[in-house]
Amino acid sequence: MKKWIAGLVITSLIIFIPLLHPEADARKKMQKTSLELQAIQAREFETTRQIAFAAVISVFQDLGYIVESAEIETGFVTAKSPTQKARPALFQSDITHETKVSAFIENLPQHRVRVRLNFVNSKENISQWSGVQRTLDQVVEDPAIYQEAFTKIEEAVFIKASLDQTNENTIKVEVQQPEPFPAGQKDPLPSKSIAEEIEQLHQLKEKGILTEKEFETAKKKLLGFE
């Protein structure tokens, strides 16, 4: 009888101890090495740091994350998903879930930048009996999660770079001064002000104030022939 009771106690401990310490069970799972994580967490882009920084923030927001901090000087961005709460059953722990994500954007040679993402699933248990709080953070190692984020970042980088190029070209057009016509060539479409001046000269000639020769000389000067 004593052996049977002892066996029952040991079996109960084997079943319930992992439930009390979920982090111990998580450590048993196969984890990727740091090099393997870097391979799926990092991606290089041919763009500027400013464009990549803005693209990362935009993608985090599109994915439903709340941006908590963003520092262009350090290239560091942090965000998290809305917290989800659940109360499984009577006398069990209150559980909250959220996903945290961080990004580090650094400059590389030859007009390139490197973006490294880190997704972390955070689980918090609060015992209804004792009020003891336990938090378990686990790095997301699913390559599909990172691939989706990097694909969206690549699209955002392309769009923002195209917009910046368009704005730059527009500014250049606005500040560009018209080039003078080489000597001996006539502007096929004279500006309105020049046309008005020629008309005034013509009226002066008609009134006899200017001679034909004076009119032609003044007109050539306006048109850039002299």
C-alpha atoms as a PDB file:
ATOM      1  CA  MET A   1       0.000   0.000   0.000  1.00  0.00           C
ATOM      2  CA  LYS A   2       2.830   2.385   0.899  1.00  0.00           C
ATOM      3  CA  LYS A   3       4.583   1.617  -2.378  1.00  0.00           C
ATOM      4  CA  TRP A   4       1.389   2.330  -4.283  1.00  0.00           C
ATOM      5  CA  ILE A   5       0.957   5.714  -2.526  1.00  0.00           C
ATOM      6  CA  ALA A   6       4.608   6.598  -3.127  1.00  0.00           C
ATOM      7  CA  GLY A   7       4.238   5.752  -6.811  1.00  0.00           C
ATOM      8  CA  LEU A   8       1.103   7.908  -7.071  1.00  0.00           C
ATOM      9  CA  VAL A   9       2.909  10.878  -5.489  1.00  0.00           C
ATOM     10  CA  ILE A  10       5.879  10.573  -7.834  1.00  0.00           C
ATOM     11  CA  THR A  11       3.589  10.327 -10.877  1.00  0.00           C
ATOM     12  CA  SER A  12       1.695  13.429  -9.754  1.00  0.00           C
ATOM     13  CA  LEU A  13       4.907  15.372  -9.365  1.00  0.00           C
ATOM     14  CA  ILE A  14       6.071  14.358 -12.828  1.00  0.00           C
ATOM     15  CA  ILE A  15       2.794  15.608 -14.303  1.00  0.00           C
ATOM     16  CA  PHE A  16       2.357  18.876 -12.379  1.00  0.00           C
ATOM     17  CA  ILE A  17       5.911  20.216 -11.954  1.00  0.00           C
ATOM     18  CA  PRO A  18       6.225  21.182 -15.650  1.00  0.00           C
ATOM     19  CA  LEU A  19       2.895  23.016 -15.323  1.00  0.00           C
ATOM     20  CA  LEU A  20       4.230  25.041 -12.415  1.00  0.00           C
ATOM     21  CA  HIS A  21       7.467  25.811 -14.274  1.00  0.00           C
ATOM     22  CA  PRO A  22       6.672  26.182 -18.001  1.00  0.00           C
ATOM     23  CA  GLU A  23      10.053  27.795 -18.638  1.00  0.00           C
ATOM     24  CA  ALA A  24      11.734  24.482 -17.821  1.00  0.00           C
ATOM     25  CA  ASP A  25       9.698  22.782 -20.515  1.00  0.00           C
ATOM     26  CA  ALA A  26      10.490  25.561 -22.984  1.00  0.00           C
ATOM     27  CA  ARG A  27      14.220  25.094 -22.456  1.00  0.00           C
ATOM     28  CA  LYS A  28      13.911  21.476 -23.433  1.00  0.00           C
ATOM     29  CA  LYS A  29      12.800  22.438 -26.924  1.00  0.00           C
ATOM     30  CA  MET A  30      15.425  22.477 -29.620  1.00  0.00           C
ATOM     31  CA  GLN A  31      16.676  26.052 -30.112  1.00  0.00           C
ATOM     32  CA  LYS A  32      18.601  27.515 -33.040  1.00  0.00           C
ATOM     33  CA  THR A  33      22.175  28.677 -32.623  1.00  0.00           C
ATOM     34  CA  SER A  34      22.973  32.396 -32.731  1.00  0.00           C
ATOM     35  CA  LEU A  35      24.289  32.079 -36.290  1.00  0.00           C
ATOM     36  CA  GLU A  36      21.135  30.279 -37.407  1.00  0.00           C
ATOM     37  CA  LEU A  37      18.999  32.999 -35.813  1.00  0.00           C
ATOM     38  CA  GLN A  38      20.979  35.753 -37.512  1.00  0.00           C
ATOM     39  CA  ALA A  39      20.458  34.059 -40.854  1.00  0.00           C
ATOM     40  CA  ILE A  40      16.678  34.401 -40.559  1.00  0.00           C
ATOM     41  CA  GLN A  41      16.573  37.627 -38.507  1.00  0.00           C
ATOM     42  CA  ALA A  42      18.799  39.851 -40.681  1.00  0.00           C
ATOM     43  CA  ARG A  43      18.479  41.214 -44.218  1.00  0.00           C
ATOM     44  CA  GLU A  44      20.448  43.771 -46.245  1.00  0.00           C
ATOM     45  CA  PHE A  45      18.879  46.460 -48.427  1.00  0.00           C
ATOM     46  CA  GLU A  46      20.346  48.829 -50.999  1.00  0.00           C
ATOM     47  CA  THR A  47      19.009  52.095 -49.610  1.00  0.00           C
ATOM     48  CA  THR A  48      19.708  54.773 -47.024  1.00  0.00           C
ATOM     49  CA  ARG A  49      19.355  54.343 -43.281  1.00  0.00           C
ATOM     50  CA  GLN A  50      16.637  57.014 -43.152  1.00  0.00           C
ATOM     51  CA  ILE A  51      14.485  55.226 -45.746  1.00  0.00           C
ATOM     52  CA  ALA A  52      14.952  51.810 -44.090  1.00  0.00           C
ATOM     53  CA  PHE A  53      14.131  53.299 -40.673  1.00  0.00           C
ATOM     54  CA  ALA A  54      10.874  54.805 -41.953  1.00  0.00           C
ATOM     55  CA  ALA A  55      10.006  51.581 -43.802  1.00  0.00           C
ATOM     56  CA  VAL A  56      10.432  49.451 -40.654  1.00  0.00           C
ATOM     57  CA  ILE A  57       8.149  51.709 -38.598  1.00  0.00           C
ATOM     58  CA  SER A  58       5.534  51.695 -41.356  1.00  0.00           C
ATOM     59  CA  VAL A  59       5.578  47.885 -41.619  1.00  0.00           C
ATOM     60  CA  PHE A  60       5.317  47.405 -37.841  1.00  0.00           C
ATOM     61  CA  GLN A  61       2.219  49.595 -37.823  1.00  0.00           C
ATOM     62  CA  ASP A  62       0.742  47.772 -40.838  1.00  0.00           C
ATOM     63  CA  LEU A  63       1.210  44.451 -39.011  1.00  0.00           C
ATOM     64  CA  GLY A  64      -0.809  45.767 -36.070  1.00  0.00           C
ATOM     65  CA  TYR A  65       2.035  46.527 -33.656  1.00  0.00           C
ATOM     66  CA  ILE A  66       2.154  49.563 -31.377  1.00  0.00           C
ATOM     67  CA  VAL A  67       5.472  51.404 -31.752  1.00  0.00           C
ATOM     68  CA  GLU A  68       6.909  52.125 -28.301  1.00  0.00           C
ATOM     69  CA  SER A  69      10.228  53.738 -29.233  1.00  0.00           C
ATOM     70  CA  ALA A  70      12.059  54.810 -32.391  1.00  0.00           C
ATOM     71  CA  GLU A  71      15.473  56.498 -32.347  1.00  0.00           C
ATOM     72  CA  ILE A  72      17.005  57.383 -35.699  1.00  0.00           C
ATOM     73  CA  GLU A  73      20.359  58.163 -34.024  1.00  0.00           C
ATOM     74  CA  THR A  74      20.776  54.607 -32.745  1.00  0.00           C
ATOM     75  CA  GLY A  75      18.658  52.951 -35.442  1.00  0.00           C
ATOM     76  CA  PHE A  76      16.647  51.092 -32.801  1.00  0.00           C
ATOM     77  CA  VAL A  77      12.868  50.541 -32.972  1.00  0.00           C
ATOM     78  CA  THR A  78      10.673  48.638 -30.486  1.00  0.00           C
ATOM     79  CA  ALA A  79       7.008  47.711 -30.740  1.00  0.00           C
ATOM     80  CA  LYS A  80       4.506  45.240 -29.320  1.00  0.00           C
ATOM     81  CA  SER A  81       1.158  43.711 -30.210  1.00  0.00           C
ATOM     82  CA  PRO A  82      -2.031  44.447 -28.257  1.00  0.00           C
ATOM     83  CA  THR A  83      -2.194  42.326 -25.089  1.00  0.00           C
ATOM     84  CA  GLN A  84      -4.581  39.380 -25.130  1.00  0.00           C
ATOM     85  CA  LYS A  85      -5.987  38.143 -21.812  1.00  0.00           C
ATOM     86  CA  ALA A  86      -7.547  34.789 -21.007  1.00  0.00           C
ATOM     87  CA  ARG A  87      -8.850  33.102 -17.840  1.00  0.00           C
ATOM     88  CA  PRO A  88      -8.908  29.360 -18.590  1.00  0.00           C
ATOM     89  CA  ALA A  89     -10.929  27.893 -15.729  1.00  0.00           C
ATOM     90  CA  LEU A  90     -11.793  28.323 -12.085  1.00  0.00           C
ATOM     91  CA  PHE A  91      -8.807  28.370  -9.723  1.00  0.00           C
ATOM     92  CA  GLN A  92      -6.333  28.518 -12.613  1.00  0.00           C
ATOM     93  CA  SER A  93      -3.922  31.331 -13.488  1.00  0.00           C
ATOM     94  CA  ASP A  94      -4.840  34.448 -15.429  1.00  0.00           C
ATOM     95  CA  ILE A  95      -2.850  34.398 -18.669  1.00  0.00           C
ATOM     96  CA  THR A  96      -1.827  37.285 -20.921  1.00  0.00           C
ATOM     97  CA  HIS A  97      -0.156  36.982 -24.308  1.00  0.00           C
ATOM     98  CA  GLU A  98       1.647  39.574 -26.415  1.00  0.00           C
ATOM     99  CA  THR A  99       4.346  39.634 -29.075  1.00  0.00           C
ATOM    100  CA  LYS A 100       7.246  42.046 -28.822  1.00  0.00           C
ATOM    101  CA  VAL A 101       9.408  43.026 -31.790  1.00  0.00           C
ATOM    102  CA  SER A 102      12.569  45.069 -32.084  1.00  0.00           C
ATOM    103  CA  ALA A 103      14.567  46.242 -35.083  1.00  0.00           C
ATOM    104  CA  PHE A 104      18.131  47.478 -35.434  1.00  0.00           C
ATOM    105  CA  ILE A 105      19.085  49.372 -38.600  1.00  0.00           C
ATOM    106  CA  GLU A 106      22.781  49.931 -39.267  1.00  0.00           C
ATOM    107  CA  ASN A 107      24.731  51.453 -42.149  1.00  0.00           C
ATOM    108  CA  LEU A 108      26.930  49.298 -44.365  1.00  0.00           C
ATOM    109  CA  PRO A 109      29.419  50.308 -47.078  1.00  0.00           C
ATOM    110  CA  GLN A 110      28.321  50.995 -50.669  1.00  0.00           C
ATOM    111  CA  HIS A 111      24.950  52.602 -49.902  1.00  0.00           C
ATOM    112  CA  ARG A 112      23.555  49.556 -48.095  1.00  0.00           C
ATOM    113  CA  VAL A 113      21.918  48.990 -44.712  1.00  0.00           C
ATOM    114  CA  ARG A 114      21.363  45.942 -42.544  1.00  0.00           C
ATOM    115  CA  VAL A 115      18.076  45.372 -40.736  1.00  0.00           C
ATOM    116  CA  ARG A 116      17.837  42.819 -37.929  1.00  0.00           C
ATOM    117  CA  LEU A 117      14.458  41.901 -36.450  1.00  0.00           C
ATOM    118  CA  ASN A 118      13.709  40.043 -33.246  1.00  0.00           C
ATOM    119  CA  PHE A 119      10.207  38.729 -32.507  1.00  0.00           C
ATOM    120  CA  VAL A 120       9.517  37.502 -28.956  1.00  0.00           C
ATOM    121  CA  ASN A 121       6.363  35.813 -27.664  1.00  0.00           C
ATOM    122  CA  SER A 122       5.687  36.918 -24.100  1.00  0.00           C
ATOM    123  CA  LYS A 123       3.387  34.943 -21.790  1.00  0.00           C
ATOM    124  CA  GLU A 124       2.481  36.059 -18.284  1.00  0.00           C
ATOM    125  CA  ASN A 125       0.767  33.890 -15.663  1.00  0.00           C
ATOM    126  CA  ILE A 126      -0.776  35.379 -12.505  1.00  0.00           C
ATOM    127  CA  SER A 127      -1.941  32.849  -9.926  1.00  0.00           C
ATOM    128  CA  GLN A 128      -5.446  33.426  -8.567  1.00  0.00           C
ATOM    129  CA  TRP A 129      -4.414  31.741  -5.329  1.00  0.00           C
ATOM    130  CA  SER A 130      -1.117  33.382  -4.424  1.00  0.00           C
ATOM    131  CA  GLY A 131      -0.937  36.326  -6.832  1.00  0.00           C
ATOM    132  CA  VAL A 132       2.501  35.119  -7.923  1.00  0.00           C
ATOM    133  CA  GLN A 133       3.402  36.429 -11.386  1.00  0.00           C
ATOM    134  CA  ARG A 134       5.481  34.410 -13.828  1.00  0.00           C
ATOM    135  CA  THR A 135       6.673  35.711 -17.195  1.00  0.00           C
ATOM    136  CA  LEU A 136       7.992  33.559 -20.008  1.00  0.00           C
ATOM    137  CA  ASP A 137       9.632  35.201 -23.034  1.00  0.00           C
ATOM    138  CA  GLN A 138      10.469  33.003 -25.993  1.00  0.00           C
ATOM    139  CA  VAL A 139      12.212  34.116 -29.178  1.00  0.00           C
ATOM    140  CA  VAL A 140      10.211  33.376 -32.329  1.00  0.00           C
ATOM    141  CA  GLU A 141      12.276  31.097 -34.558  1.00  0.00           C
ATOM    142  CA  ASP A 142       9.769  30.535 -37.354  1.00  0.00           C
ATOM    143  CA  PRO A 143      11.470  31.754 -40.581  1.00  0.00           C
ATOM    144  CA  ALA A 144       8.067  32.472 -42.179  1.00  0.00           C
ATOM    145  CA  ILE A 145       7.375  35.248 -39.644  1.00  0.00           C
ATOM    146  CA  TYR A 146      10.610  37.040 -40.526  1.00  0.00           C
ATOM    147  CA  GLN A 147      10.212  36.407 -44.252  1.00  0.00           C
ATOM    148  CA  GLU A 148       6.791  38.073 -44.241  1.00  0.00           C
ATOM    149  CA  ALA A 149       8.120  41.124 -42.393  1.00  0.00           C
ATOM    150  CA  PHE A 150      11.175  41.483 -44.656  1.00  0.00           C
ATOM    151  CA  THR A 151       9.044  41.186 -47.792  1.00  0.00           C
ATOM    152  CA  LYS A 152       6.850  44.039 -46.576  1.00  0.00           C
ATOM    153  CA  ILE A 153       9.912  46.097 -45.586  1.00  0.00           C
ATOM    154  CA  GLU A 154      11.402  45.591 -49.059  1.00  0.00           C
ATOM    155  CA  GLU A 155       8.165  46.834 -50.645  1.00  0.00           C
ATOM    156  CA  ALA A 156       8.052  49.843 -48.293  1.00  0.00           C
ATOM    157  CA  VAL A 157      11.690  50.699 -49.061  1.00  0.00           C
ATOM    158  CA  PHE A 158      10.989  50.636 -52.806  1.00  0.00           C
ATOM    159  CA  ILE A 159       7.908  52.865 -52.461  1.00  0.00           C
ATOM    160  CA  LYS A 160       9.604  55.399 -50.169  1.00  0.00           C
ATOM    161  CA  ALA A 161      12.735  55.528 -52.330  1.00  0.00           C
ATOM    162  CA  SER A 162      10.590  56.126 -55.441  1.00  0.00           C
ATOM    163  CA  LEU A 163       8.674  58.929 -53.702  1.00  0.00           C
ATOM    164  CA  ASP A 164      11.888  60.573 -52.536  1.00  0.00           C
ATOM    165  CA  GLN A 165      13.316  60.410 -56.065  1.00  0.00           C
ATOM    166  CA  THR A 166      10.134  61.911 -57.508  1.00  0.00           C
ATOM    167  CA  ASN A 167      10.183  64.762 -54.992  1.00  0.00           C
ATOM    168  CA  GLU A 168      13.861  65.404 -55.684  1.00  0.00           C
ATOM    169  CA  ASN A 169      13.252  65.596 -59.436  1.00  0.00           C
ATOM    170  CA  THR A 170      10.302  67.953 -58.882  1.00  0.00           C
ATOM    171  CA  ILE A 171      12.457  70.305 -56.824  1.00  0.00           C
ATOM    172  CA  LYS A 172      15.162  70.292 -59.486  1.00  0.00           C
ATOM    173  CA  VAL A 173      12.636  71.211 -62.175  1.00  0.00           C
ATOM    174  CA  GLU A 174      11.235  74.039 -60.054  1.00  0.00           C
ATOM    175  CA  VAL A 175      14.617  75.655 -59.372  1.00  0.00           C
ATOM    176  CA  GLN A 176      16.121  75.043 -62.814  1.00  0.00           C
ATOM    177  CA  GLN A 177      16.712  78.298 -64.728  1.00  0.00           C
ATOM    178  CA  PRO A 178      16.024  78.445 -68.494  1.00  0.00           C
ATOM    179  CA  GLU A 179      19.193  78.172 -70.556  1.00  0.00           C
ATOM    180  CA  PRO A 180      19.887  81.123 -72.884  1.00  0.00           C
ATOM    181  CA  PHE A 181      19.697  80.443 -76.605  1.00  0.00           C
ATOM    182  CA  PRO A 182      23.058  80.455 -78.407  1.00  0.00           C
ATOM    183  CA  ALA A 183      23.849  83.539 -80.443  1.00  0.00           C
ATOM    184  CA  GLY A 184      22.228  83.490 -83.875  1.00  0.00           C
ATOM    185  CA  GLN A 185      19.342  81.219 -82.800  1.00  0.00           C
ATOM    186  CA  LYS A 186      15.789  82.367 -82.296  1.00  0.00           C
ATOM    187  CA  ASP A 187      13.519  81.238 -79.497  1.00  0.00           C
ATOM    188  CA  PRO A 188      10.640  79.479 -81.323  1.00  0.00           C
ATOM    189  CA  LEU A 189       8.290  80.344 -78.427  1.00  0.00           C
ATOM    190  CA  PRO A 190       9.276  83.760 -77.009  1.00  0.00           C
ATOM    191  CA  SER A 191       8.051  84.516 -73.546  1.00  0.00           C
ATOM    192  CA  LYS A 192       5.039  86.732 -73.055  1.00  0.00           C
ATOM    193  CA  SER A 193       7.081  89.622 -71.682  1.00  0.00           C
ATOM    194  CA  ILE A 194       9.360  89.682 -74.752  1.00  0.00           C
ATOM    195  CA  ALA A 195       6.396  89.507 -77.093  1.00  0.00           C
ATOM    196  CA  GLU A 196       4.788  92.426 -75.279  1.00  0.00           C
ATOM    197  CA  GLU A 197       7.999  94.474 -75.575  1.00  0.00           C
ATOM    198  CA  ILE A 198       8.224  93.772 -79.302  1.00  0.00           C
ATOM    199  CA  GLU A 199       4.605  94.856 -79.675  1.00  0.00           C
ATOM    200  CA  GLN A 200       5.408  98.095 -77.856  1.00  0.00           C
ATOM    201  CA  LEU A 201       8.393  98.678 -80.155  1.00  0.00           C
ATOM    202  CA  HIS A 202       6.160  98.028 -83.159  1.00  0.00           C
ATOM    203  CA  GLN A 203       3.645 100.616 -81.912  1.00  0.00           C
ATOM    204  CA  LEU A 204       6.457 103.163 -81.488  1.00  0.00           C
ATOM    205  CA  LYS A 205       7.591 102.474 -85.027  1.00  0.00           C
ATOM    206  CA  GLU A 206       4.042 102.899 -86.347  1.00  0.00           C
ATOM    207  CA  LYS A 207       3.796 106.236 -84.567  1.00  0.00           C
ATOM    208  CA  GLY A 208       7.048 107.347 -86.196  1.00  0.00           C
ATOM    209  CA  ILE A 209       8.950 107.478 -82.924  1.00  0.00           C
ATOM    210  CA  LEU A 210      11.321 104.685 -84.036  1.00  0.00           C
ATOM    211  CA  THR A 211      12.770 104.207 -87.467  1.00  0.00           C
ATOM    212  CA  GLU A 212      12.664 100.828 -89.190  1.00  0.00           C
ATOM    213  CA  LYS A 213      16.354 100.343 -88.500  1.00  0.00           C
ATOM    214  CA  GLU A 214      15.973 101.246 -84.814  1.00  0.00           C
ATOM    215  CA  PHE A 215      13.007  98.899 -84.516  1.00  0.00           C
ATOM    216  CA  GLU A 216      14.930  95.968 -86.050  1.00  0.00           C
ATOM    217  CA  THR A 217      17.974  96.613 -83.864  1.00  0.00           C
ATOM    218  CA  ALA A 218      15.923  96.713 -80.641  1.00  0.00           C
ATOM    219  CA  LYS A 219      13.990  93.596 -81.649  1.00  0.00           C
ATOM    220  CA  LYS A 220      17.213  91.635 -82.299  1.00  0.00           C
ATOM    221  CA  LYS A 221      18.502  92.563 -78.865  1.00  0.00           C
ATOM    222  CA  LEU A 222      15.291  91.293 -77.251  1.00  0.00           C
ATOM    223  CA  LEU A 223      15.543  88.027 -79.181  1.00  0.00           C
ATOM    224  CA  GLY A 224      19.210  87.565 -78.270  1.00  0.00           C
ATOM    225  CA  PHE A 225      20.630  88.047 -81.749  1.00  0.00           C
ATOM    226  CA  GLU A 226      23.009  90.803 -80.605  1.00  0.00           C
END
